[in-house]
Amino acid sequence: MDTVMQSPASGARHPNESSAYGEYSPMIAKVEGEFSVAQGTSSFNEAVFNAINVLLGVGVLSSPFALRSSGWFIGLPLFIFFVLATNHTGKLLGKCLDYQEGMATYPDIGEAAFGTKGRVLISIIFFGELFTVCAMFDILIGDALAALIPGYTAQQLMIIAFLVIMPTLWTTHLSMLSWFSLLGIMSSLFCLYAIMFIGFAIDYTAPDYIMGSLIQPQPTELLADADRIPLAIGLTMVAFGGHSVFPSICSSMKNREDYPAVLNIAYCVTVLVYGAIEIGGYLMFGTSTTKEITLNLIDVYPGSLTTLVIWMIAFNPMSKIPITIHPVALSIEELLFTPEQMRHETGRIKFYRALVRMTIGAAALLCALFIPHFARLTSFLGAFFAMFVSVCFPCVCYLKLYGHSLSLGAKVLNTSLAVISVVFTIIGTISSFVSPAE
């Protein structure tokens, strides 16, 4: 991964690799000078890979549940709307980078539009997003391992998994972990393969058949119960929440004029994968679709295929937790230590830096233990953080920077998107805590 992100707190530039979120791990940090590609050197194909890596993540697991929560009449139009809206706002961020020379990251855009307050606001949102992603990873790990290891609760397995990965939090050199970024794409594609294979391979004529066939789909709903529908806002939006990294992808390209084409290709791939998993999973399990589609798969088709998928799903976030924590920890460390202390670490400084990272990881684990609902946390992540970063703020910044030269149609379009995103944020955030999520 070749993207270069800025440490929001300090303005010092640090490379970052994405998620997931829409794994959504929105940012996966890399250490400058170790394996990052210099700004302005990424090829077209590298940029496409980076953008796909940003968009394809663990959010894909809850996409069939999003359709179950809304029904066909709401779910599919909502999916299409977010595809078009976020593709548009992703391109707006590229235009915002052209506002003045030297801009390379999302915080740069916030500062250009609204001064230091804009940078601080983006920093707070980023840190909240990353912390929520870590908690979501913990929940996903617990749910996945609980499906594989009977006799333990998901909460117990979360704690055990945290103890296992804790040594990886001690290091500030993440080059060895960065290669696991590929696992995000691989697990999403393998999940798609498993759904298609099981959907056509399962014997729907068997006496003990219950559900899971694409040839003989389960009953579905055109319109779900009203109290469930708002939950789909965040669950759908989380798939397209990669905008925190998009400016860095754009600024790292050799030919920045190709950035819109990069986004278009990445979105085509993402829409095909997410759309196939969302529609296929909902057809296979109907109103019995669970918050994570893998839990349905292992129920109806236990065996090596589904076991491998779930192990990949569990291992992927385990490898990304230390990487996701890194940008937050780095910014805190920059407040605690001088640049000289961080360049020439003593044993005491290394201990304190490891303590900072373990504290952040433990706090995210506590959040996951007290709110052990993958669908709720994913919906909150999409409705609050992704909606702000990926729809509202790009439109507002673009209007602020270029409003004097925009046509009336452009002003109306972007103002409308900003207003709609605020409405969706309010409804989606509230529903992520109160709507049925099982």
Protein backbone atom coordinates (compact mmCIF):
# COMPACT_ATOMS: atom_id res chain seq x y z
CA MET A 1 0.00 0.00 0.00
CA ASP A 2 1.45 3.30 -1.02
CA THR A 3 -0.74 5.97 0.47
CA VAL A 4 0.74 8.69 2.64
CA MET A 5 -1.39 10.18 5.38
CA GLN A 6 -0.75 13.04 7.73
CA SER A 7 -0.65 12.66 11.46
CA PRO A 8 -3.69 14.75 12.29
CA ALA A 9 -2.42 16.11 15.54
CA SER A 10 0.91 17.41 14.43
CA GLY A 11 0.85 17.95 10.73
CA ALA A 12 3.87 15.69 10.32
CA ARG A 13 3.35 13.34 7.44
CA HIS A 14 3.10 9.61 8.09
CA PRO A 15 2.26 6.92 5.62
CA ASN A 16 -0.92 4.98 6.14
CA GLU A 17 -2.57 2.03 4.61
CA SER A 18 -6.31 1.69 4.57
CA SER A 19 -8.93 -0.45 5.58
CA ALA A 20 -11.46 -1.76 5.81
CA TYR A 21 -13.75 -0.31 7.24
CA GLY A 22 -14.96 0.04 4.60
CA GLU A 23 -13.14 -2.31 6.66
CA TYR A 24 -13.67 -0.63 7.35
CA SER A 25 -10.09 0.06 8.68
CA PRO A 26 -9.95 3.44 7.12
CA MET A 27 -6.26 3.91 7.72
CA ILE A 28 -3.52 1.38 8.19
CA ALA A 29 -0.32 3.14 9.10
CA LYS A 30 3.05 2.55 7.53
CA VAL A 31 6.34 3.82 8.77
CA GLU A 32 7.91 6.48 6.59
CA GLY A 33 11.08 5.42 4.89
CA GLU A 34 10.55 1.70 5.50
CA PHE A 35 8.27 0.67 2.70
CA SER A 36 6.21 3.64 1.57
CA VAL A 37 6.26 4.92 -1.98
CA ALA A 38 7.28 8.55 -2.24
CA GLN A 39 4.58 11.08 -2.90
CA GLY A 40 3.90 11.47 -6.61
CA THR A 41 5.37 8.12 -7.68
CA SER A 42 2.42 5.71 -7.55
CA SER A 43 1.34 4.26 -10.88
CA PHE A 44 -2.24 4.05 -12.09
CA ASN A 45 -2.50 0.35 -11.21
CA GLU A 46 -1.00 0.89 -7.75
CA ALA A 47 -3.51 3.65 -7.07
CA VAL A 48 -6.38 1.40 -8.18
CA PHE A 49 -5.17 -1.36 -5.85
CA ASN A 50 -4.87 1.11 -2.96
CA ALA A 51 -8.39 2.42 -3.55
CA ILE A 52 -9.85 -1.10 -3.69
CA ASN A 53 -7.93 -2.00 -0.54
CA VAL A 54 -9.49 1.02 1.18
CA LEU A 55 -13.04 0.10 0.19
CA LEU A 56 -13.09 -3.68 0.57
CA GLY A 57 -13.13 -4.66 4.22
CA VAL A 58 -15.01 -6.42 6.97
CA GLY A 59 -18.05 -4.21 6.36
CA VAL A 60 -18.89 -6.64 3.58
CA LEU A 61 -19.93 -9.19 6.21
CA SER A 62 -22.91 -7.11 7.33
CA SER A 63 -24.06 -6.06 3.85
CA PRO A 64 -26.68 -8.86 3.51
CA PHE A 65 -28.00 -7.89 6.95
CA ALA A 66 -28.36 -4.32 5.68
CA LEU A 67 -30.66 -5.58 2.93
CA ARG A 68 -32.58 -7.72 5.41
CA SER A 69 -33.02 -4.65 7.65
CA SER A 70 -34.44 -2.50 4.86
CA GLY A 71 -35.98 -4.77 2.22
CA TRP A 72 -35.56 -4.53 -1.55
CA PHE A 73 -37.50 -1.27 -2.04
CA ILE A 74 -35.28 0.68 0.37
CA GLY A 75 -32.04 -1.32 0.43
CA LEU A 76 -31.17 -1.31 -3.28
CA PRO A 77 -31.94 2.41 -3.91
CA LEU A 78 -29.98 3.27 -0.75
CA PHE A 79 -27.02 1.23 -1.99
CA ILE A 80 -27.11 2.93 -5.41
CA PHE A 81 -27.45 6.39 -3.83
CA PHE A 82 -24.40 5.89 -1.62
CA VAL A 83 -22.38 4.52 -4.55
CA LEU A 84 -23.10 7.58 -6.68
CA ALA A 85 -22.84 10.10 -3.83
CA THR A 86 -19.54 8.85 -2.42
CA ASN A 87 -17.98 8.41 -5.86
CA HIS A 88 -18.87 12.05 -6.52
CA THR A 89 -17.53 13.31 -3.19
CA GLY A 90 -14.35 11.27 -3.61
CA LYS A 91 -13.69 13.22 -6.79
CA LEU A 92 -14.49 16.48 -4.98
CA LEU A 93 -11.64 15.73 -2.57
CA GLY A 94 -9.28 15.45 -5.54
CA LYS A 95 -10.41 18.87 -6.76
CA CYS A 96 -9.94 20.31 -3.27
CA LEU A 97 -6.30 19.15 -3.30
CA ASP A 98 -5.76 21.34 -6.38
CA TYR A 99 -6.86 24.45 -4.49
CA GLN A 100 -3.30 25.28 -3.50
CA GLU A 101 0.12 23.73 -3.97
CA GLY A 102 1.41 21.37 -1.31
CA MET A 103 -1.91 19.95 -0.16
CA ALA A 104 -1.75 16.16 0.14
CA THR A 105 -4.07 14.86 2.87
CA TYR A 106 -7.58 15.21 4.22
CA PRO A 107 -6.46 17.38 7.19
CA ASP A 108 -4.81 19.71 4.64
CA ILE A 109 -8.20 20.15 2.96
CA GLY A 110 -9.88 20.85 6.29
CA GLU A 111 -7.27 23.47 7.15
CA ALA A 112 -7.49 25.14 3.73
CA ALA A 113 -11.26 25.44 4.05
CA PHE A 114 -11.68 26.26 7.73
CA GLY A 115 -8.24 26.98 9.17
CA THR A 116 -6.84 25.26 12.22
CA LYS A 117 -10.36 24.46 13.47
CA GLY A 118 -10.95 22.42 10.32
CA ARG A 119 -7.80 20.40 10.89
CA VAL A 120 -8.64 19.82 14.55
CA LEU A 121 -12.19 18.72 13.70
CA ILE A 122 -10.92 16.23 11.12
CA SER A 123 -8.36 14.96 13.63
CA ILE A 124 -11.04 14.32 16.25
CA ILE A 125 -13.27 12.54 13.73
CA PHE A 126 -10.34 10.41 12.50
CA PHE A 127 -9.36 9.38 16.02
CA GLY A 128 -12.94 8.51 16.92
CA GLU A 129 -13.29 6.55 13.70
CA LEU A 130 -10.10 4.56 14.26
CA PHE A 131 -11.01 3.79 17.87
CA THR A 132 -14.46 2.57 16.80
CA VAL A 133 -12.87 0.44 14.09
CA CYS A 134 -10.64 -1.24 16.69
CA ALA A 135 -13.66 -2.02 18.86
CA MET A 136 -15.47 -3.41 15.81
CA PHE A 137 -12.45 -5.60 15.05
CA ASP A 138 -12.53 -6.98 18.60
CA ILE A 139 -16.21 -7.88 18.29
CA LEU A 140 -15.66 -9.51 14.90
CA ILE A 141 -12.77 -11.58 16.27
CA GLY A 142 -14.88 -12.75 19.20
CA ASP A 143 -17.87 -13.68 17.02
CA ALA A 144 -15.70 -15.50 14.47
CA LEU A 145 -13.74 -17.48 17.04
CA ALA A 146 -16.90 -18.34 18.98
CA ALA A 147 -18.27 -19.96 15.82
CA LEU A 148 -15.10 -22.06 15.55
CA ILE A 149 -14.32 -22.82 19.19
CA PRO A 150 -17.37 -24.02 21.13
CA GLY A 151 -17.30 -23.82 24.90
CA TYR A 152 -16.11 -20.22 25.09
CA THR A 153 -18.13 -17.03 24.90
CA ALA A 154 -17.34 -14.34 22.34
CA GLN A 155 -16.29 -12.01 25.18
CA GLN A 156 -13.84 -14.57 26.59
CA LEU A 157 -12.33 -15.11 23.15
CA MET A 158 -12.00 -11.35 22.62
CA ILE A 159 -9.85 -11.13 25.75
CA ILE A 160 -7.76 -14.16 24.77
CA ALA A 161 -7.23 -12.75 21.27
CA PHE A 162 -6.18 -9.39 22.71
CA LEU A 163 -3.58 -11.10 24.91
CA VAL A 164 -2.29 -12.95 21.83
CA ILE A 165 -1.92 -9.81 19.71
CA MET A 166 -0.69 -7.60 22.58
CA PRO A 167 3.02 -8.10 21.76
CA THR A 168 2.38 -6.67 18.27
CA LEU A 169 1.25 -3.44 19.95
CA TRP A 170 4.67 -2.97 21.48
CA THR A 171 6.41 -2.27 18.19
CA THR A 172 6.39 1.04 16.32
CA HIS A 173 7.80 -0.60 13.17
CA LEU A 174 4.90 -1.99 11.21
CA SER A 175 6.51 -3.13 7.95
CA MET A 176 6.00 -6.83 8.70
CA LEU A 177 2.33 -6.27 9.54
CA SER A 178 1.65 -4.14 6.49
CA TRP A 179 1.70 -7.15 4.19
CA PHE A 180 -1.43 -8.42 5.92
CA SER A 181 -3.33 -5.59 4.23
CA LEU A 182 -3.75 -8.01 1.32
CA LEU A 183 -5.73 -10.26 3.64
CA GLY A 184 -8.59 -7.75 3.66
CA ILE A 185 -9.12 -8.04 -0.08
CA MET A 186 -8.50 -11.79 -0.07
CA SER A 187 -11.01 -12.45 2.72
CA SER A 188 -13.69 -10.36 0.99
CA LEU A 189 -13.17 -12.15 -2.33
CA PHE A 190 -13.05 -15.55 -0.63
CA CYS A 191 -16.27 -14.74 1.21
CA LEU A 192 -17.87 -13.96 -2.16
CA TYR A 193 -16.58 -17.26 -3.55
CA ALA A 194 -17.95 -19.16 -0.55
CA ILE A 195 -21.40 -17.60 -0.95
CA MET A 196 -21.54 -18.39 -4.66
CA PHE A 197 -20.18 -21.92 -4.20
CA ILE A 198 -22.47 -22.82 -1.30
CA GLY A 199 -25.46 -21.12 -2.91
CA PHE A 200 -25.22 -23.36 -5.98
CA ALA A 201 -23.70 -26.48 -4.38
CA ILE A 202 -26.01 -27.02 -1.43
CA ASP A 203 -28.61 -29.74 -1.99
CA TYR A 204 -31.95 -27.99 -1.60
CA THR A 205 -33.79 -31.28 -2.29
CA ALA A 206 -32.32 -32.99 0.79
CA PRO A 207 -34.85 -33.86 3.53
CA ASP A 208 -32.90 -31.86 6.13
CA TYR A 209 -32.49 -28.78 3.90
CA ILE A 210 -33.54 -25.55 5.60
CA MET A 211 -31.97 -22.65 3.71
CA GLY A 212 -28.82 -21.50 1.89
CA SER A 213 -29.61 -22.14 -1.78
CA LEU A 214 -29.42 -19.55 -4.54
CA ILE A 215 -31.39 -21.90 -6.80
CA GLN A 216 -34.29 -22.01 -4.35
CA PRO A 217 -34.02 -18.71 -2.44
CA GLN A 218 -35.60 -18.02 0.92
CA PRO A 219 -38.59 -15.68 1.27
CA THR A 220 -37.49 -12.05 1.35
CA GLU A 221 -39.24 -8.75 2.04
CA LEU A 222 -39.91 -5.87 -0.33
CA LEU A 223 -40.12 -3.57 2.67
CA ALA A 224 -38.81 -4.48 6.11
CA ASP A 225 -40.32 -3.47 9.43
CA ALA A 226 -40.20 0.30 9.90
CA ASP A 227 -38.13 0.11 13.08
CA ARG A 228 -35.38 -1.81 11.26
CA ILE A 229 -35.04 0.34 8.14
CA PRO A 230 -32.93 3.21 9.60
CA LEU A 231 -30.27 0.71 10.71
CA ALA A 232 -29.54 0.05 7.03
CA ILE A 233 -28.26 3.61 6.56
CA GLY A 234 -25.05 3.00 8.48
CA LEU A 235 -24.69 -0.63 7.45
CA THR A 236 -24.79 0.36 3.78
CA MET A 237 -22.72 3.52 4.11
CA VAL A 238 -19.84 1.79 5.88
CA ALA A 239 -18.94 0.06 2.61
CA PHE A 240 -18.02 3.39 1.04
CA GLY A 241 -16.17 5.10 3.87
CA GLY A 242 -12.67 5.24 2.42
CA HIS A 243 -12.50 8.99 1.91
CA SER A 244 -10.09 9.57 4.78
CA VAL A 245 -7.41 7.96 2.61
CA PHE A 246 -8.53 9.08 -0.87
CA PRO A 247 -6.64 12.42 -0.79
CA SER A 248 -3.43 10.56 0.02
CA ILE A 249 -4.01 8.16 -2.87
CA CYS A 250 -4.55 11.11 -5.19
CA SER A 251 -1.49 13.02 -4.00
CA SER A 252 0.72 9.92 -4.28
CA MET A 253 -0.06 9.42 -7.99
CA LYS A 254 2.36 10.24 -10.79
CA ASN A 255 -0.51 11.57 -12.90
CA ARG A 256 -3.14 13.10 -10.64
CA GLU A 257 -5.42 13.76 -13.59
CA ASP A 258 -6.05 9.98 -13.66
CA TYR A 259 -7.49 10.04 -10.15
CA PRO A 260 -11.18 10.12 -11.25
CA ALA A 261 -10.60 7.05 -13.43
CA VAL A 262 -8.91 5.30 -10.50
CA LEU A 263 -11.98 5.92 -8.36
CA ASN A 264 -14.33 4.72 -11.08
CA ILE A 265 -12.49 1.40 -11.48
CA ALA A 266 -12.20 0.88 -7.72
CA TYR A 267 -15.89 1.58 -7.30
CA CYS A 268 -16.83 -0.84 -10.08
CA VAL A 269 -14.92 -3.64 -8.35
CA THR A 270 -16.32 -2.71 -4.95
CA VAL A 271 -19.91 -2.52 -6.19
CA LEU A 272 -19.61 -5.93 -7.86
CA VAL A 273 -18.21 -7.59 -4.72
CA TYR A 274 -20.46 -5.87 -2.19
CA GLY A 275 -23.52 -6.11 -4.41
CA ALA A 276 -23.04 -9.82 -5.08
CA ILE A 277 -22.49 -10.62 -1.40
CA GLU A 278 -25.39 -8.42 -0.28
CA ILE A 279 -27.92 -9.74 -2.78
CA GLY A 280 -26.64 -13.33 -2.76
CA GLY A 281 -26.54 -13.54 1.03
CA TYR A 282 -30.05 -12.11 1.39
CA LEU A 283 -31.48 -14.49 -1.22
CA MET A 284 -29.86 -17.47 0.50
CA PHE A 285 -31.07 -16.71 4.02
CA GLY A 286 -33.92 -14.22 3.67
CA THR A 287 -35.32 -12.95 6.95
CA SER A 288 -32.97 -15.32 8.81
CA THR A 289 -29.89 -13.41 7.60
CA THR A 290 -27.60 -12.79 10.57
CA LYS A 291 -25.51 -9.72 11.43
CA GLU A 292 -22.46 -11.47 9.93
CA ILE A 293 -23.12 -13.58 6.84
CA THR A 294 -20.35 -16.01 7.80
CA LEU A 295 -22.41 -17.15 10.80
CA ASN A 296 -25.17 -18.22 8.39
CA LEU A 297 -22.70 -20.00 6.13
CA ILE A 298 -21.19 -22.17 8.86
CA ASP A 299 -24.67 -23.14 10.10
CA VAL A 300 -25.88 -24.47 6.75
CA TYR A 301 -22.60 -25.68 5.26
CA PRO A 302 -20.15 -26.69 8.00
CA GLY A 303 -16.88 -27.89 6.60
CA SER A 304 -13.40 -26.88 5.54
CA LEU A 305 -14.55 -24.12 3.17
CA THR A 306 -16.58 -22.15 5.71
CA THR A 307 -14.05 -22.86 8.45
CA LEU A 308 -11.28 -21.38 6.30
CA VAL A 309 -13.40 -18.31 5.52
CA ILE A 310 -14.08 -17.66 9.20
CA TRP A 311 -10.43 -18.16 10.17
CA MET A 312 -9.49 -15.59 7.53
CA ILE A 313 -12.18 -13.25 8.83
CA ALA A 314 -10.81 -13.64 12.38
CA PHE A 315 -7.12 -13.33 11.47
CA ASN A 316 -7.61 -10.28 9.26
CA PRO A 317 -8.70 -7.88 12.05
CA MET A 318 -6.18 -9.40 14.46
CA SER A 319 -3.41 -8.30 12.11
CA LYS A 320 -4.92 -4.86 11.58
CA ILE A 321 -5.59 -3.77 15.16
CA PRO A 322 -1.97 -2.69 15.83
CA ILE A 323 -1.83 -0.94 12.45
CA THR A 324 -5.12 0.87 13.05
CA ILE A 325 -4.01 2.00 16.51
CA HIS A 326 -0.73 3.37 15.16
CA PRO A 327 -1.89 6.82 13.87
CA VAL A 328 -3.73 7.58 17.12
CA ALA A 329 -0.81 6.42 19.25
CA LEU A 330 1.67 8.34 17.12
CA SER A 331 -0.17 11.61 17.59
CA ILE A 332 -0.36 11.08 21.37
CA GLU A 333 3.34 10.23 21.46
CA GLU A 334 4.18 13.41 19.57
CA LEU A 335 2.55 15.35 22.40
CA LEU A 336 4.43 13.40 25.09
CA PHE A 337 7.91 13.18 23.56
CA THR A 338 10.23 15.44 21.59
CA PRO A 339 11.18 14.51 18.00
CA GLU A 340 14.71 13.81 19.25
CA GLN A 341 13.40 11.35 21.86
CA MET A 342 11.33 9.54 19.25
CA ARG A 343 14.25 9.30 16.80
CA HIS A 344 16.66 7.97 19.41
CA GLU A 345 14.50 5.81 21.65
CA THR A 346 15.80 4.80 25.06
CA GLY A 347 14.42 1.77 26.85
CA ARG A 348 12.20 4.05 28.94
CA ILE A 349 10.74 5.79 25.86
CA LYS A 350 10.06 2.43 24.20
CA PHE A 351 8.25 1.27 27.33
CA TYR A 352 6.06 4.38 27.46
CA ARG A 353 5.24 4.15 23.75
CA ALA A 354 4.25 0.50 24.17
CA LEU A 355 2.15 1.49 27.20
CA VAL A 356 0.31 4.14 25.15
CA ARG A 357 -0.56 1.59 22.46
CA MET A 358 -1.67 -1.08 24.93
CA THR A 359 -3.84 1.47 26.73
CA ILE A 360 -5.60 2.42 23.49
CA GLY A 361 -6.05 -1.25 22.59
CA ALA A 362 -7.39 -2.10 26.05
CA ALA A 363 -9.84 0.83 25.91
CA ALA A 364 -11.16 -0.39 22.54
CA LEU A 365 -11.48 -3.91 23.98
CA LEU A 366 -13.51 -2.58 26.94
CA CYS A 367 -15.79 -0.76 24.51
CA ALA A 368 -16.29 -4.01 22.57
CA LEU A 369 -17.02 -5.95 25.76
CA PHE A 370 -19.68 -3.47 26.86
CA ILE A 371 -21.19 -3.02 23.37
CA PRO A 372 -20.75 -6.51 21.85
CA HIS A 373 -22.99 -5.89 18.85
CA PHE A 374 -21.20 -6.01 15.49
CA ALA A 375 -24.17 -4.71 13.50
CA ARG A 376 -24.77 -1.79 15.87
CA LEU A 377 -21.13 -0.69 15.91
CA THR A 378 -20.83 -1.11 12.15
CA SER A 379 -24.00 0.92 11.64
CA PHE A 380 -22.72 3.65 13.97
CA LEU A 381 -19.41 3.70 12.14
CA GLY A 382 -21.16 4.16 8.82
CA ALA A 383 -23.90 6.56 9.91
CA PHE A 384 -21.76 8.90 12.01
CA PHE A 385 -18.12 8.75 10.97
CA ALA A 386 -18.34 7.59 7.34
CA MET A 387 -21.28 9.87 6.56
CA PHE A 388 -19.39 12.89 7.85
CA VAL A 389 -16.01 12.08 6.29
CA SER A 390 -17.31 10.69 3.00
CA VAL A 391 -20.32 12.87 2.15
CA CYS A 392 -20.88 15.92 4.34
CA PHE A 393 -17.39 17.34 4.78
CA PRO A 394 -16.21 16.91 1.15
CA CYS A 395 -19.27 18.83 -0.07
CA VAL A 396 -18.88 21.56 2.54
CA CYS A 397 -15.15 21.98 1.87
CA TYR A 398 -15.69 22.08 -1.89
CA LEU A 399 -18.39 24.74 -1.52
CA LYS A 400 -16.17 26.74 0.82
CA LEU A 401 -13.12 26.63 -1.46
CA TYR A 402 -14.79 26.95 -4.87
CA GLY A 403 -18.27 28.31 -4.13
CA HIS A 404 -17.55 31.66 -5.81
CA SER A 405 -16.89 29.98 -9.16
CA LEU A 406 -19.47 27.18 -9.14
CA SER A 407 -22.61 27.08 -11.23
CA LEU A 408 -26.00 27.19 -9.55
CA GLY A 409 -26.53 23.51 -10.35
CA ALA A 410 -23.25 22.51 -8.68
CA LYS A 411 -24.10 24.57 -5.61
CA VAL A 412 -27.56 23.03 -5.34
CA LEU A 413 -26.24 19.48 -5.85
CA ASN A 414 -23.50 19.69 -3.23
CA THR A 415 -25.59 21.63 -0.74
CA SER A 416 -28.35 19.04 -1.09
CA LEU A 417 -25.91 16.17 -0.53
CA ALA A 418 -24.55 17.88 2.58
CA VAL A 419 -28.04 18.41 3.99
CA ILE A 420 -29.15 14.85 3.17
CA SER A 421 -26.01 13.49 4.82
CA VAL A 422 -26.75 15.42 8.03
CA VAL A 423 -30.29 14.02 8.10
CA PHE A 424 -28.96 10.51 7.46
CA THR A 425 -26.32 10.98 10.17
CA ILE A 426 -28.92 11.88 12.78
CA ILE A 427 -31.37 9.12 11.84
CA GLY A 428 -28.68 6.47 11.30
CA THR A 429 -26.75 7.26 14.48
CA ILE A 430 -29.86 7.09 16.67
CA SER A 431 -31.08 3.90 15.00
CA SER A 432 -27.71 2.19 15.47
CA PHE A 433 -28.48 2.15 19.19
CA VAL A 434 -32.26 1.65 19.25
CA SER A 435 -33.26 -0.36 16.14
CA PRO A 436 -33.43 -4.18 16.30
CA ALA A 437 -30.00 -5.52 15.35
CA GLU A 438 -30.51 -9.28 15.44
